PDB file of N, CA and C in Angstrom:
ATOM      1  N   MET A   1       0.845  -1.183   0.000  1.00  0.00           N
ATOM      2  CA  MET A   1       0.000   0.000   0.000  1.00  0.00           C
ATOM      3  C   MET A   1       0.888   1.244   0.000  1.00  0.00           C
ATOM      4  N   VAL A   2       0.502   2.227  -0.741  1.00  0.00           N
ATOM      5  CA  VAL A   2       1.258   3.465  -0.869  1.00  0.00           C
ATOM      6  C   VAL A   2       1.017   4.342   0.355  1.00  0.00           C
ATOM      7  N   LYS A   3       2.106   4.770   0.986  1.00  0.00           N
ATOM      8  CA  LYS A   3       2.014   5.670   2.138  1.00  0.00           C
ATOM      9  C   LYS A   3       2.021   7.108   1.641  1.00  0.00           C
ATOM     10  N   VAL A   4       1.133   7.913   2.215  1.00  0.00           N
ATOM     11  CA  VAL A   4       0.980   9.295   1.785  1.00  0.00           C
ATOM     12  C   VAL A   4       0.678  10.179   2.997  1.00  0.00           C
ATOM     13  N   VAL A   5       1.171  11.404   2.937  1.00  0.00           N
ATOM     14  CA  VAL A   5       0.862  12.422   3.945  1.00  0.00           C
ATOM     15  C   VAL A   5      -0.008  13.477   3.281  1.00  0.00           C
ATOM     16  N   PHE A   6      -1.129  13.794   3.902  1.00  0.00           N
ATOM     17  CA  PHE A   6      -1.975  14.907   3.462  1.00  0.00           C
ATOM     18  C   PHE A   6      -1.616  16.099   4.338  1.00  0.00           C
ATOM     19  N   ASP A   7      -1.343  17.246   3.719  1.00  0.00           N
ATOM     20  CA  ASP A   7      -1.108  18.418   4.560  1.00  0.00           C
ATOM     21  C   ASP A   7      -2.449  18.897   5.124  1.00  0.00           C
ATOM     22  N   THR A   8      -2.396  19.837   6.033  1.00  0.00           N
ATOM     23  CA  THR A   8      -3.603  20.286   6.732  1.00  0.00           C
ATOM     24  C   THR A   8      -4.652  20.827   5.775  1.00  0.00           C
ATOM     25  N   ASN A   9      -4.245  21.552   4.747  1.00  0.00           N
ATOM     26  CA  ASN A   9      -5.207  22.096   3.786  1.00  0.00           C
ATOM     27  C   ASN A   9      -5.979  20.988   3.078  1.00  0.00           C
ATOM     28  N   VAL A  10      -5.312  19.903   2.771  1.00  0.00           N
ATOM     29  CA  VAL A  10      -5.969  18.775   2.112  1.00  0.00           C
ATOM     30  C   VAL A  10      -6.948  18.104   3.069  1.00  0.00           C
ATOM     31  N   LEU A  11      -6.543  17.927   4.310  1.00  0.00           N
ATOM     32  CA  LEU A  11      -7.448  17.325   5.291  1.00  0.00           C
ATOM     33  C   LEU A  11      -8.698  18.184   5.479  1.00  0.00           C
ATOM     34  N   VAL A  12      -8.510  19.482   5.620  1.00  0.00           N
ATOM     35  CA  VAL A  12      -9.654  20.380   5.808  1.00  0.00           C
ATOM     36  C   VAL A  12     -10.540  20.366   4.568  1.00  0.00           C
ATOM     37  N   SER A  13      -9.945  20.424   3.394  1.00  0.00           N
ATOM     38  CA  SER A  13     -10.733  20.374   2.151  1.00  0.00           C
ATOM     39  C   SER A  13     -11.503  19.070   2.036  1.00  0.00           C
ATOM     40  N   SER A  14     -10.889  17.981   2.460  1.00  0.00           N
ATOM     41  CA  SER A  14     -11.573  16.683   2.445  1.00  0.00           C
ATOM     42  C   SER A  14     -12.801  16.697   3.341  1.00  0.00           C
ATOM     43  N   LEU A  15     -12.699  17.422   4.435  1.00  0.00           N
ATOM     44  CA  LEU A  15     -13.802  17.524   5.384  1.00  0.00           C
ATOM     45  C   LEU A  15     -14.936  18.386   4.851  1.00  0.00           C
ATOM     46  N   ILE A  16     -14.621  19.514   4.229  1.00  0.00           N
ATOM     47  CA  ILE A  16     -15.652  20.522   3.967  1.00  0.00           C
ATOM     48  C   ILE A  16     -16.187  20.583   2.544  1.00  0.00           C
ATOM     49  N   ARG A  17     -15.548  19.904   1.571  1.00  0.00           N
ATOM     50  CA  ARG A  17     -16.060  20.030   0.202  1.00  0.00           C
ATOM     51  C   ARG A  17     -15.708  18.816  -0.650  1.00  0.00           C
ATOM     52  N   GLU A  18     -16.430  18.726  -1.757  1.00  0.00           N
ATOM     53  CA  GLU A  18     -16.161  17.689  -2.758  1.00  0.00           C
ATOM     54  C   GLU A  18     -14.948  18.109  -3.576  1.00  0.00           C
ATOM     55  N   GLY A  19     -14.340  17.174  -4.262  1.00  0.00           N
ATOM     56  CA  GLY A  19     -13.214  17.487  -5.130  1.00  0.00           C
ATOM     57  C   GLY A  19     -12.115  16.455  -5.000  1.00  0.00           C
ATOM     58  N   LYS A  20     -10.946  16.778  -5.559  1.00  0.00           N
ATOM     59  CA  LYS A  20      -9.821  15.843  -5.545  1.00  0.00           C
ATOM     60  C   LYS A  20      -9.397  15.438  -4.134  1.00  0.00           C
ATOM     61  N   PRO A  21      -9.270  16.376  -3.200  1.00  0.00           N
ATOM     62  CA  PRO A  21      -8.900  15.950  -1.841  1.00  0.00           C
ATOM     63  C   PRO A  21      -9.891  14.949  -1.251  1.00  0.00           C
ATOM     64  N   ARG A  22     -11.185  15.153  -1.474  1.00  0.00           N
ATOM     65  CA  ARG A  22     -12.189  14.220  -0.946  1.00  0.00           C
ATOM     66  C   ARG A  22     -12.050  12.849  -1.597  1.00  0.00           C
ATOM     67  N   LYS A  23     -11.760  12.829  -2.894  1.00  0.00           N
ATOM     68  CA  LYS A  23     -11.579  11.548  -3.588  1.00  0.00           C
ATOM     69  C   LYS A  23     -10.373  10.793  -3.028  1.00  0.00           C
ATOM     70  N   LEU A  24      -9.299  11.530  -2.740  1.00  0.00           N
ATOM     71  CA  LEU A  24      -8.128  10.881  -2.136  1.00  0.00           C
ATOM     72  C   LEU A  24      -8.446  10.394  -0.723  1.00  0.00           C
ATOM     73  N   TRP A  25      -9.196  11.185   0.023  1.00  0.00           N
ATOM     74  CA  TRP A  25      -9.640  10.782   1.363  1.00  0.00           C
ATOM     75  C   TRP A  25     -10.431   9.476   1.281  1.00  0.00           C
ATOM     76  N   GLU A  26     -11.334   9.398   0.323  1.00  0.00           N
ATOM     77  CA  GLU A  26     -12.130   8.185   0.153  1.00  0.00           C
ATOM     78  C   GLU A  26     -11.256   6.988  -0.211  1.00  0.00           C
ATOM     79  N   ARG A  27     -10.201   7.211  -0.979  1.00  0.00           N
ATOM     80  CA  ARG A  27      -9.260   6.129  -1.283  1.00  0.00           C
ATOM     81  C   ARG A  27      -8.538   5.665  -0.017  1.00  0.00           C
ATOM     82  N   ALA A  28      -8.218   6.614   0.852  1.00  0.00           N
ATOM     83  CA  ALA A  28      -7.573   6.247   2.121  1.00  0.00           C
ATOM     84  C   ALA A  28      -8.535   5.450   2.997  1.00  0.00           C
ATOM     85  N   ILE A  29      -9.777   5.883   3.062  1.00  0.00           N
ATOM     86  CA  ILE A  29     -10.786   5.158   3.836  1.00  0.00           C
ATOM     87  C   ILE A  29     -10.951   3.747   3.283  1.00  0.00           C
ATOM     88  N   GLY A  30     -10.932   3.636   1.967  1.00  0.00           N
ATOM     89  CA  GLY A  30     -11.112   2.346   1.321  1.00  0.00           C
ATOM     90  C   GLY A  30      -9.904   1.433   1.400  1.00  0.00           C
ATOM     91  N   GLY A  31      -8.784   1.948   1.894  1.00  0.00           N
ATOM     92  CA  GLY A  31      -7.594   1.128   2.060  1.00  0.00           C
ATOM     93  C   GLY A  31      -6.638   1.134   0.880  1.00  0.00           C
ATOM     94  N   ASP A  32      -6.899   1.968  -0.121  1.00  0.00           N
ATOM     95  CA  ASP A  32      -5.984   2.073  -1.271  1.00  0.00           C
ATOM     96  C   ASP A  32      -4.716   2.850  -0.924  1.00  0.00           C
ATOM     97  N   LEU A  33      -4.833   3.753   0.034  1.00  0.00           N
ATOM     98  CA  LEU A  33      -3.704   4.575   0.477  1.00  0.00           C
ATOM     99  C   LEU A  33      -3.547   4.421   1.981  1.00  0.00           C
ATOM    100  N   GLN A  34      -2.318   4.462   2.456  1.00  0.00           N
ATOM    101  CA  GLN A  34      -2.051   4.461   3.893  1.00  0.00           C
ATOM    102  C   GLN A  34      -1.691   5.882   4.305  1.00  0.00           C
ATOM    103  N   LEU A  35      -2.573   6.526   5.065  1.00  0.00           N
ATOM    104  CA  LEU A  35      -2.275   7.865   5.554  1.00  0.00           C
ATOM    105  C   LEU A  35      -1.236   7.779   6.658  1.00  0.00           C
ATOM    106  N   VAL A  36      -0.270   8.674   6.602  1.00  0.00           N
ATOM    107  CA  VAL A  36       0.744   8.794   7.644  1.00  0.00           C
ATOM    108  C   VAL A  36       0.467  10.113   8.355  1.00  0.00           C
ATOM    109  N   LEU A  37       0.439  10.072   9.682  1.00  0.00           N
ATOM    110  CA  LEU A  37       0.079  11.238  10.474  1.00  0.00           C
ATOM    111  C   LEU A  37       0.974  11.310  11.704  1.00  0.00           C
ATOM    112  N   SER A  38       1.242  12.515  12.152  1.00  0.00           N
ATOM    113  CA  SER A  38       1.982  12.733  13.398  1.00  0.00           C
ATOM    114  C   SER A  38       1.090  13.521  14.353  1.00  0.00           C
ATOM    115  N   ASP A  39       1.436  13.495  15.622  1.00  0.00           N
ATOM    116  CA  ASP A  39       0.678  14.281  16.601  1.00  0.00           C
ATOM    117  C   ASP A  39       0.690  15.764  16.228  1.00  0.00           C
ATOM    118  N   SER A  40       1.834  16.250  15.753  1.00  0.00           N
ATOM    119  CA  SER A  40       1.947  17.672  15.399  1.00  0.00           C
ATOM    120  C   SER A  40       1.023  18.035  14.244  1.00  0.00           C
ATOM    121  N   LEU A  41       0.945  17.170  13.251  1.00  0.00           N
ATOM    122  CA  LEU A  41       0.070  17.427  12.108  1.00  0.00           C
ATOM    123  C   LEU A  41      -1.398  17.336  12.528  1.00  0.00           C
ATOM    124  N   LEU A  42      -1.720  16.380  13.386  1.00  0.00           N
ATOM    125  CA  LEU A  42      -3.088  16.268  13.896  1.00  0.00           C
ATOM    126  C   LEU A  42      -3.459  17.507  14.709  1.00  0.00           C
ATOM    127  N   GLU A  43      -2.560  17.984  15.555  1.00  0.00           N
ATOM    128  CA  GLU A  43      -2.828  19.193  16.352  1.00  0.00           C
ATOM    129  C   GLU A  43      -3.093  20.397  15.463  1.00  0.00           C
ATOM    130  N   GLU A  44      -2.329  20.531  14.396  1.00  0.00           N
ATOM    131  CA  GLU A  44      -2.532  21.640  13.463  1.00  0.00           C
ATOM    132  C   GLU A  44      -3.915  21.530  12.814  1.00  0.00           C
ATOM    133  N   PHE A  45      -4.279  20.329  12.375  1.00  0.00           N
ATOM    134  CA  PHE A  45      -5.596  20.103  11.775  1.00  0.00           C
ATOM    135  C   PHE A  45      -6.706  20.468  12.761  1.00  0.00           C
ATOM    136  N   LEU A  46      -6.591  20.009  14.004  1.00  0.00           N
ATOM    137  CA  LEU A  46      -7.617  20.296  15.008  1.00  0.00           C
ATOM    138  C   LEU A  46      -7.746  21.791  15.281  1.00  0.00           C
ATOM    139  N   ALA A  47      -6.628  22.493  15.269  1.00  0.00           N
ATOM    140  CA  ALA A  47      -6.668  23.949  15.486  1.00  0.00           C
ATOM    141  C   ALA A  47      -7.397  24.646  14.339  1.00  0.00           C
ATOM    142  N   VAL A  48      -7.173  24.184  13.129  1.00  0.00           N
ATOM    143  CA  VAL A  48      -7.818  24.813  11.973  1.00  0.00           C
ATOM    144  C   VAL A  48      -9.321  24.539  11.976  1.00  0.00           C
ATOM    145  N   ILE A  49      -9.731  23.299  12.228  1.00  0.00           N
ATOM    146  CA  ILE A  49     -11.173  23.017  12.169  1.00  0.00           C
ATOM    147  C   ILE A  49     -11.934  23.603  13.356  1.00  0.00           C
ATOM    148  N   ALA A  50     -11.214  24.059  14.377  1.00  0.00           N
ATOM    149  CA  ALA A  50     -11.866  24.722  15.514  1.00  0.00           C
ATOM    150  C   ALA A  50     -12.170  26.189  15.221  1.00  0.00           C
ATOM    151  N   ARG A  51     -11.658  26.694  14.124  1.00  0.00           N
ATOM    152  CA  ARG A  51     -11.915  28.095  13.773  1.00  0.00           C
ATOM    153  C   ARG A  51     -13.394  28.290  13.445  1.00  0.00           C
ATOM    154  N   PRO A  52     -13.970  29.407  13.886  1.00  0.00           N
ATOM    155  CA  PRO A  52     -15.415  29.622  13.713  1.00  0.00           C
ATOM    156  C   PRO A  52     -15.911  29.528  12.272  1.00  0.00           C
ATOM    157  N   HIS A  53     -15.137  29.993  11.318  1.00  0.00           N
ATOM    158  CA  HIS A  53     -15.630  29.987   9.935  1.00  0.00           C
ATOM    159  C   HIS A  53     -15.746  28.583   9.350  1.00  0.00           C
ATOM    160  N   ILE A  54     -15.068  27.613   9.915  1.00  0.00           N
ATOM    161  CA  ILE A  54     -15.162  26.233   9.425  1.00  0.00           C
ATOM    162  C   ILE A  54     -16.547  25.661   9.725  1.00  0.00           C
ATOM    163  N   ALA A  55     -17.184  26.134  10.793  1.00  0.00           N
ATOM    164  CA  ALA A  55     -18.512  25.648  11.167  1.00  0.00           C
ATOM    165  C   ALA A  55     -19.552  25.921  10.081  1.00  0.00           C
ATOM    166  N   ARG A  56     -19.297  26.870   9.205  1.00  0.00           N
ATOM    167  CA  ARG A  56     -20.223  27.121   8.092  1.00  0.00           C
ATOM    168  C   ARG A  56     -20.241  25.948   7.124  1.00  0.00           C
ATOM    169  N   TYR A  57     -19.146  25.198   7.099  1.00  0.00           N
ATOM    170  CA  TYR A  57     -18.994  24.116   6.127  1.00  0.00           C
ATOM    171  C   TYR A  57     -19.142  22.733   6.744  1.00  0.00           C
ATOM    172  N   ALA A  58     -18.809  22.584   7.999  1.00  0.00           N
ATOM    173  CA  ALA A  58     -18.896  21.288   8.677  1.00  0.00           C
ATOM    174  C   ALA A  58     -19.274  21.518  10.134  1.00  0.00           C
ATOM    175  N   ASP A  59     -20.397  20.942  10.540  1.00  0.00           N
ATOM    176  CA  ASP A  59     -20.811  21.108  11.927  1.00  0.00           C
ATOM    177  C   ASP A  59     -19.895  20.292  12.854  1.00  0.00           C
ATOM    178  N   ILE A  60     -20.067  20.478  14.142  1.00  0.00           N
ATOM    179  CA  ILE A  60     -19.191  19.851  15.131  1.00  0.00           C
ATOM    180  C   ILE A  60     -19.243  18.329  15.037  1.00  0.00           C
ATOM    181  N   GLN A  61     -20.432  17.772  14.865  1.00  0.00           N
ATOM    182  CA  GLN A  61     -20.555  16.308  14.778  1.00  0.00           C
ATOM    183  C   GLN A  61     -19.819  15.761  13.557  1.00  0.00           C
ATOM    184  N   THR A  62     -19.951  16.426  12.435  1.00  0.00           N
ATOM    185  CA  THR A  62     -19.262  15.993  11.214  1.00  0.00           C
ATOM    186  C   THR A  62     -17.752  16.073  11.416  1.00  0.00           C
ATOM    187  N   SER A  63     -17.284  17.144  12.010  1.00  0.00           N
ATOM    188  CA  SER A  63     -15.854  17.298  12.277  1.00  0.00           C
ATOM    189  C   SER A  63     -15.344  16.222  13.223  1.00  0.00           C
ATOM    190  N   LYS A  64     -16.126  15.897  14.241  1.00  0.00           N
ATOM    191  CA  LYS A  64     -15.724  14.856  15.191  1.00  0.00           C
ATOM    192  C   LYS A  64     -15.658  13.490  14.516  1.00  0.00           C
ATOM    193  N   ARG A  65     -16.662  13.172  13.697  1.00  0.00           N
ATOM    194  CA  ARG A  65     -16.657  11.886  12.982  1.00  0.00           C
ATOM    195  C   ARG A  65     -15.462  11.785  12.056  1.00  0.00           C
ATOM    196  N   PHE A  66     -15.177  12.869  11.337  1.00  0.00           N
ATOM    197  CA  PHE A  66     -14.043  12.898  10.424  1.00  0.00           C
ATOM    198  C   PHE A  66     -12.741  12.677  11.191  1.00  0.00           C
ATOM    199  N   THR A  67     -12.591  13.370  12.310  1.00  0.00           N
ATOM    200  CA  THR A  67     -11.369  13.264  13.116  1.00  0.00           C
ATOM    201  C   THR A  67     -11.197  11.858  13.678  1.00  0.00           C
ATOM    202  N   ARG A  68     -12.269  11.267  14.175  1.00  0.00           N
ATOM    203  CA  ARG A  68     -12.183   9.887  14.686  1.00  0.00           C
ATOM    204  C   ARG A  68     -11.733   8.928  13.595  1.00  0.00           C
ATOM    205  N   LEU A  69     -12.299   9.093  12.405  1.00  0.00           N
ATOM    206  CA  LEU A  69     -11.927   8.225  11.294  1.00  0.00           C
ATOM    207  C   LEU A  69     -10.484   8.478  10.869  1.00  0.00           C
ATOM    208  N   LEU A  70     -10.073   9.736  10.857  1.00  0.00           N
ATOM    209  CA  LEU A  70      -8.690  10.085  10.523  1.00  0.00           C
ATOM    210  C   LEU A  70      -7.722   9.381  11.468  1.00  0.00           C
ATOM    211  N   ILE A  71      -8.001   9.432  12.748  1.00  0.00           N
ATOM    212  CA  ILE A  71      -7.144   8.792  13.747  1.00  0.00           C
ATOM    213  C   ILE A  71      -7.151   7.270  13.558  1.00  0.00           C
ATOM    214  N   GLN A  72      -8.310   6.737  13.273  1.00  0.00           N
ATOM    215  CA  GLN A  72      -8.452   5.292  13.134  1.00  0.00           C
ATOM    216  C   GLN A  72      -7.689   4.742  11.929  1.00  0.00           C
ATOM    217  N   ILE A  73      -7.715   5.424  10.797  1.00  0.00           N
ATOM    218  CA  ILE A  73      -7.125   4.866   9.576  1.00  0.00           C
ATOM    219  C   ILE A  73      -5.666   5.257   9.371  1.00  0.00           C
ATOM    220  N   SER A  74      -5.168   6.187  10.164  1.00  0.00           N
ATOM    221  CA  SER A  74      -3.810   6.694   9.952  1.00  0.00           C
ATOM    222  C   SER A  74      -2.766   5.873  10.684  1.00  0.00           C
ATOM    223  N   LYS A  75      -1.592   5.834  10.101  1.00  0.00           N
ATOM    224  CA  LYS A  75      -0.416   5.271  10.762  1.00  0.00           C
ATOM    225  C   LYS A  75       0.283   6.452  11.433  1.00  0.00           C
ATOM    226  N   PHE A  76       0.339   6.439  12.757  1.00  0.00           N
ATOM    227  CA  PHE A  76       0.970   7.531  13.479  1.00  0.00           C
ATOM    228  C   PHE A  76       2.472   7.297  13.587  1.00  0.00           C
ATOM    229  N   VAL A  77       3.214   8.374  13.378  1.00  0.00           N
ATOM    230  CA  VAL A  77       4.665   8.309  13.499  1.00  0.00           C
ATOM    231  C   VAL A  77       5.123   9.421  14.428  1.00  0.00           C
ATOM    232  N   GLU A  78       6.256   9.193  15.041  1.00  0.00           N
ATOM    233  CA  GLU A  78       6.868  10.210  15.885  1.00  0.00           C
ATOM    234  C   GLU A  78       7.888  10.952  15.037  1.00  0.00           C
ATOM    235  N   ILE A  79       7.729  12.263  14.977  1.00  0.00           N
ATOM    236  CA  ILE A  79       8.669  13.033  14.165  1.00  0.00           C
ATOM    237  C   ILE A  79       9.805  13.546  15.031  1.00  0.00           C
ATOM    238  N   ARG A  80      10.956  13.678  14.409  1.00  0.00           N
ATOM    239  CA  ARG A  80      12.054  14.366  15.089  1.00  0.00           C
ATOM    240  C   ARG A  80      12.240  15.666  14.331  1.00  0.00           C
ATOM    241  N   HIS A  81      12.308  16.703  15.079  1.00  0.00           N
ATOM    242  CA  HIS A  81      12.396  18.017  14.456  1.00  0.00           C
ATOM    243  C   HIS A  81      13.792  18.207  13.892  1.00  0.00           C
ATOM    244  N   LEU A  82      13.824  18.315  12.594  1.00  0.00           N
ATOM    245  CA  LEU A  82      15.075  18.487  11.869  1.00  0.00           C
ATOM    246  C   LEU A  82      15.426  19.968  11.807  1.00  0.00           C
ATOM    247  N   PRO A  83      16.659  20.276  11.456  1.00  0.00           N
ATOM    248  CA  PRO A  83      16.981  21.689  11.226  1.00  0.00           C
ATOM    249  C   PRO A  83      16.035  22.258  10.171  1.00  0.00           C
ATOM    250  N   GLN A  84      15.869  23.542  10.174  1.00  0.00           N
ATOM    251  CA  GLN A  84      14.950  24.224   9.257  1.00  0.00           C
ATOM    252  C   GLN A  84      15.067  23.658   7.839  1.00  0.00           C
ATOM    253  N   ILE A  85      13.999  23.012   7.381  1.00  0.00           N
ATOM    254  CA  ILE A  85      13.965  22.461   6.028  1.00  0.00           C
ATOM    255  C   ILE A  85      13.425  23.506   5.067  1.00  0.00           C
ATOM    256  N   THR A  86      12.344  24.159   5.476  1.00  0.00           N
ATOM    257  CA  THR A  86      11.737  25.220   4.672  1.00  0.00           C
ATOM    258  C   THR A  86      11.578  26.446   5.558  1.00  0.00           C
ATOM    259  N   GLU A  87      11.153  27.524   4.954  1.00  0.00           N
ATOM    260  CA  GLU A  87      10.936  28.748   5.735  1.00  0.00           C
ATOM    261  C   GLU A  87       9.650  28.684   6.552  1.00  0.00           C
ATOM    262  N   ASP A  88       8.746  27.789   6.202  1.00  0.00           N
ATOM    263  CA  ASP A  88       7.460  27.674   6.871  1.00  0.00           C
ATOM    264  C   ASP A  88       7.474  26.490   7.845  1.00  0.00           C
ATOM    265  N   PRO A  89       7.367  26.738   9.145  1.00  0.00           N
ATOM    266  CA  PRO A  89       7.384  25.652  10.131  1.00  0.00           C
ATOM    267  C   PRO A  89       6.292  24.607   9.890  1.00  0.00           C
ATOM    268  N   ASP A  90       5.120  25.041   9.392  1.00  0.00           N
ATOM    269  CA  ASP A  90       4.044  24.081   9.113  1.00  0.00           C
ATOM    270  C   ASP A  90       4.447  23.126   7.991  1.00  0.00           C
ATOM    271  N   ASP A  91       5.156  23.626   6.998  1.00  0.00           N
ATOM    272  CA  ASP A  91       5.654  22.758   5.932  1.00  0.00           C
ATOM    273  C   ASP A  91       6.680  21.773   6.485  1.00  0.00           C
ATOM    274  N   ASN A  92       7.495  22.238   7.422  1.00  0.00           N
ATOM    275  CA  ASN A  92       8.479  21.347   8.034  1.00  0.00           C
ATOM    276  C   ASN A  92       7.797  20.160   8.716  1.00  0.00           C
ATOM    277  N   ILE A  93       6.682  20.405   9.388  1.00  0.00           N
ATOM    278  CA  ILE A  93       5.957  19.325  10.060  1.00  0.00           C
ATOM    279  C   ILE A  93       5.495  18.286   9.050  1.00  0.00           C
ATOM    280  N   VAL A  94       4.985  18.734   7.924  1.00  0.00           N
ATOM    281  CA  VAL A  94       4.522  17.814   6.884  1.00  0.00           C
ATOM    282  C   VAL A  94       5.689  16.986   6.354  1.00  0.00           C
ATOM    283  N   ILE A  95       6.796  17.631   6.063  1.00  0.00           N
ATOM    284  CA  ILE A  95       7.967  16.928   5.533  1.00  0.00           C
ATOM    285  C   ILE A  95       8.530  15.962   6.570  1.00  0.00           C
ATOM    286  N   GLU A  96       8.631  16.397   7.813  1.00  0.00           N
ATOM    287  CA  GLU A  96       9.147  15.530   8.876  1.00  0.00           C
ATOM    288  C   GLU A  96       8.239  14.314   9.080  1.00  0.00           C
ATOM    289  N   THR A  97       6.930  14.517   8.979  1.00  0.00           N
ATOM    290  CA  THR A  97       5.987  13.402   9.100  1.00  0.00           C
ATOM    291  C   THR A  97       6.198  12.409   7.965  1.00  0.00           C
ATOM    292  N   ALA A  98       6.341  12.923   6.759  1.00  0.00           N
ATOM    293  CA  ALA A  98       6.555  12.047   5.599  1.00  0.00           C
ATOM    294  C   ALA A  98       7.853  11.261   5.726  1.00  0.00           C
ATOM    295  N   LEU A  99       8.904  11.922   6.163  1.00  0.00           N
ATOM    296  CA  LEU A  99      10.188  11.236   6.320  1.00  0.00           C
ATOM    297  C   LEU A  99      10.120  10.172   7.410  1.00  0.00           C
ATOM    298  N   ALA A 100       9.506  10.500   8.542  1.00  0.00           N
ATOM    299  CA  ALA A 100       9.411   9.546   9.653  1.00  0.00           C
ATOM    300  C   ALA A 100       8.572   8.330   9.271  1.00  0.00           C
ATOM    301  N   GLY A 101       7.537   8.554   8.461  1.00  0.00           N
ATOM    302  CA  GLY A 101       6.652   7.465   8.070  1.00  0.00           C
ATOM    303  C   GLY A 101       7.042   6.788   6.780  1.00  0.00           C
ATOM    304  N   LYS A 102       8.173   7.223   6.212  1.00  0.00           N
ATOM    305  CA  LYS A 102       8.626   6.663   4.937  1.00  0.00           C
ATOM    306  C   LYS A 102       7.526   6.732   3.881  1.00  0.00           C
ATOM    307  N   ALA A 103       6.821   7.869   3.869  1.00  0.00           N
ATOM    308  CA  ALA A 103       5.761   8.085   2.883  1.00  0.00           C
ATOM    309  C   ALA A 103       6.372   8.318   1.513  1.00  0.00           C
ATOM    310  N   LYS A 104       5.688   7.831   0.516  1.00  0.00           N
ATOM    311  CA  LYS A 104       6.169   8.021  -0.850  1.00  0.00           C
ATOM    312  C   LYS A 104       5.720   9.373  -1.406  1.00  0.00           C
ATOM    313  N   TYR A 105       4.561   9.840  -0.945  1.00  0.00           N
ATOM    314  CA  TYR A 105       3.997  11.074  -1.480  1.00  0.00           C
ATOM    315  C   TYR A 105       3.518  12.008  -0.383  1.00  0.00           C
ATOM    316  N   ILE A 106       3.533  13.288  -0.713  1.00  0.00           N
ATOM    317  CA  ILE A 106       2.878  14.335   0.077  1.00  0.00           C
ATOM    318  C   ILE A 106       1.818  14.928  -0.826  1.00  0.00           C
ATOM    319  N   HIS A 107       0.604  15.048  -0.303  1.00  0.00           N
ATOM    320  CA  HIS A 107      -0.457  15.694  -1.072  1.00  0.00           C
ATOM    321  C   HIS A 107      -0.704  17.058  -0.451  1.00  0.00           C
ATOM    322  N   SER A 108      -0.599  18.086  -1.277  1.00  0.00           N
ATOM    323  CA  SER A 108      -0.734  19.457  -0.811  1.00  0.00           C
ATOM    324  C   SER A 108      -1.532  20.264  -1.821  1.00  0.00           C
ATOM    325  N   LEU A 109      -2.317  21.211  -1.344  1.00  0.00           N
ATOM    326  CA  LEU A 109      -3.057  22.093  -2.242  1.00  0.00           C
ATOM    327  C   LEU A 109      -2.187  23.217  -2.787  1.00  0.00           C
ATOM    328  N   ARG A 110      -0.976  23.301  -2.336  1.00  0.00           N
ATOM    329  CA  ARG A 110      -0.087  24.358  -2.801  1.00  0.00           C
ATOM    330  C   ARG A 110       0.471  24.074  -4.183  1.00  0.00           C
ATOM    331  N   ARG A 111       0.296  22.871  -4.661  1.00  0.00           N
ATOM    332  CA  ARG A 111       0.754  22.485  -5.991  1.00  0.00           C
ATOM    333  C   ARG A 111      -0.320  22.866  -7.011  1.00  0.00           C
ATOM    334  N   PRO A 112       0.011  22.914  -8.282  1.00  0.00           N
ATOM    335  CA  PRO A 112      -1.030  23.158  -9.289  1.00  0.00           C
ATOM    336  C   PRO A 112      -2.125  22.093  -9.187  1.00  0.00           C
ATOM    337  N   ALA A 113      -3.332  22.452  -9.574  1.00  0.00           N
ATOM    338  CA  ALA A 113      -4.461  21.547  -9.430  1.00  0.00           C
ATOM    339  C   ALA A 113      -4.249  20.221 -10.153  1.00  0.00           C
ATOM    340  N   SER A 114      -3.489  20.218 -11.208  1.00  0.00           N
ATOM    341  CA  SER A 114      -3.279  18.968 -11.953  1.00  0.00           C
ATOM    342  C   SER A 114      -2.302  18.039 -11.253  1.00  0.00           C
ATOM    343  N   ALA A 115      -1.576  18.543 -10.277  1.00  0.00           N
ATOM    344  CA  ALA A 115      -0.578  17.715  -9.569  1.00  0.00           C
ATOM    345  C   ALA A 115      -1.174  17.232  -8.254  1.00  0.00           C
ATOM    346  N   CYS A 116      -1.646  16.000  -8.233  1.00  0.00           N
ATOM    347  CA  CYS A 116      -2.265  15.471  -7.018  1.00  0.00           C
ATOM    348  C   CYS A 116      -1.234  15.072  -5.982  1.00  0.00           C
ATOM    349  N   PHE A 117      -0.100  14.597  -6.417  1.00  0.00           N
ATOM    350  CA  PHE A 117       0.910  14.107  -5.490  1.00  0.00           C
ATOM    351  C   PHE A 117       2.242  14.762  -5.770  1.00  0.00           C
ATOM    352  N   GLU A 118       2.992  14.908  -4.722  1.00  0.00           N
ATOM    353  CA  GLU A 118       4.376  15.333  -4.859  1.00  0.00           C
ATOM    354  C   GLU A 118       5.215  14.206  -4.282  1.00  0.00           C
ATOM    355  N   GLU A 119       6.001  13.558  -5.131  1.00  0.00           N
ATOM    356  CA  GLU A 119       6.806  12.445  -4.655  1.00  0.00           C
ATOM    357  C   GLU A 119       7.993  12.979  -3.865  1.00  0.00           C
ATOM    358  N   ILE A 120       8.271  12.293  -2.751  1.00  0.00           N
ATOM    359  CA  ILE A 120       9.414  12.724  -1.936  1.00  0.00           C
ATOM    360  C   ILE A 120      10.545  11.737  -2.061  1.00  0.00           C
TER     361      ILE A 120
END
């Protein structure tokens, strides 16, 4: 099974709307992809979905169900904080999670829409 890390934007998009991130989420639920997650990445996701404007798109129950499923299907890894990899600390967490979990891909919305995966 292919190991993949979804950055926080992809996780939030999977929660609140249809589209490519949701399709990848469904593949992870179905067992086609192995999500790799760290406590730091989960904490970032939880902080984002707690923001008031997210409630317009996903109510508390939906967010809780999504989070429970995320925890259940993910392979958790312990990251070691490496020297500054990028200028953005949040990006560092994603990269460190991928490296610790030996993920083959990182999925991020920062790439062009046609690029679903970024191989590491």
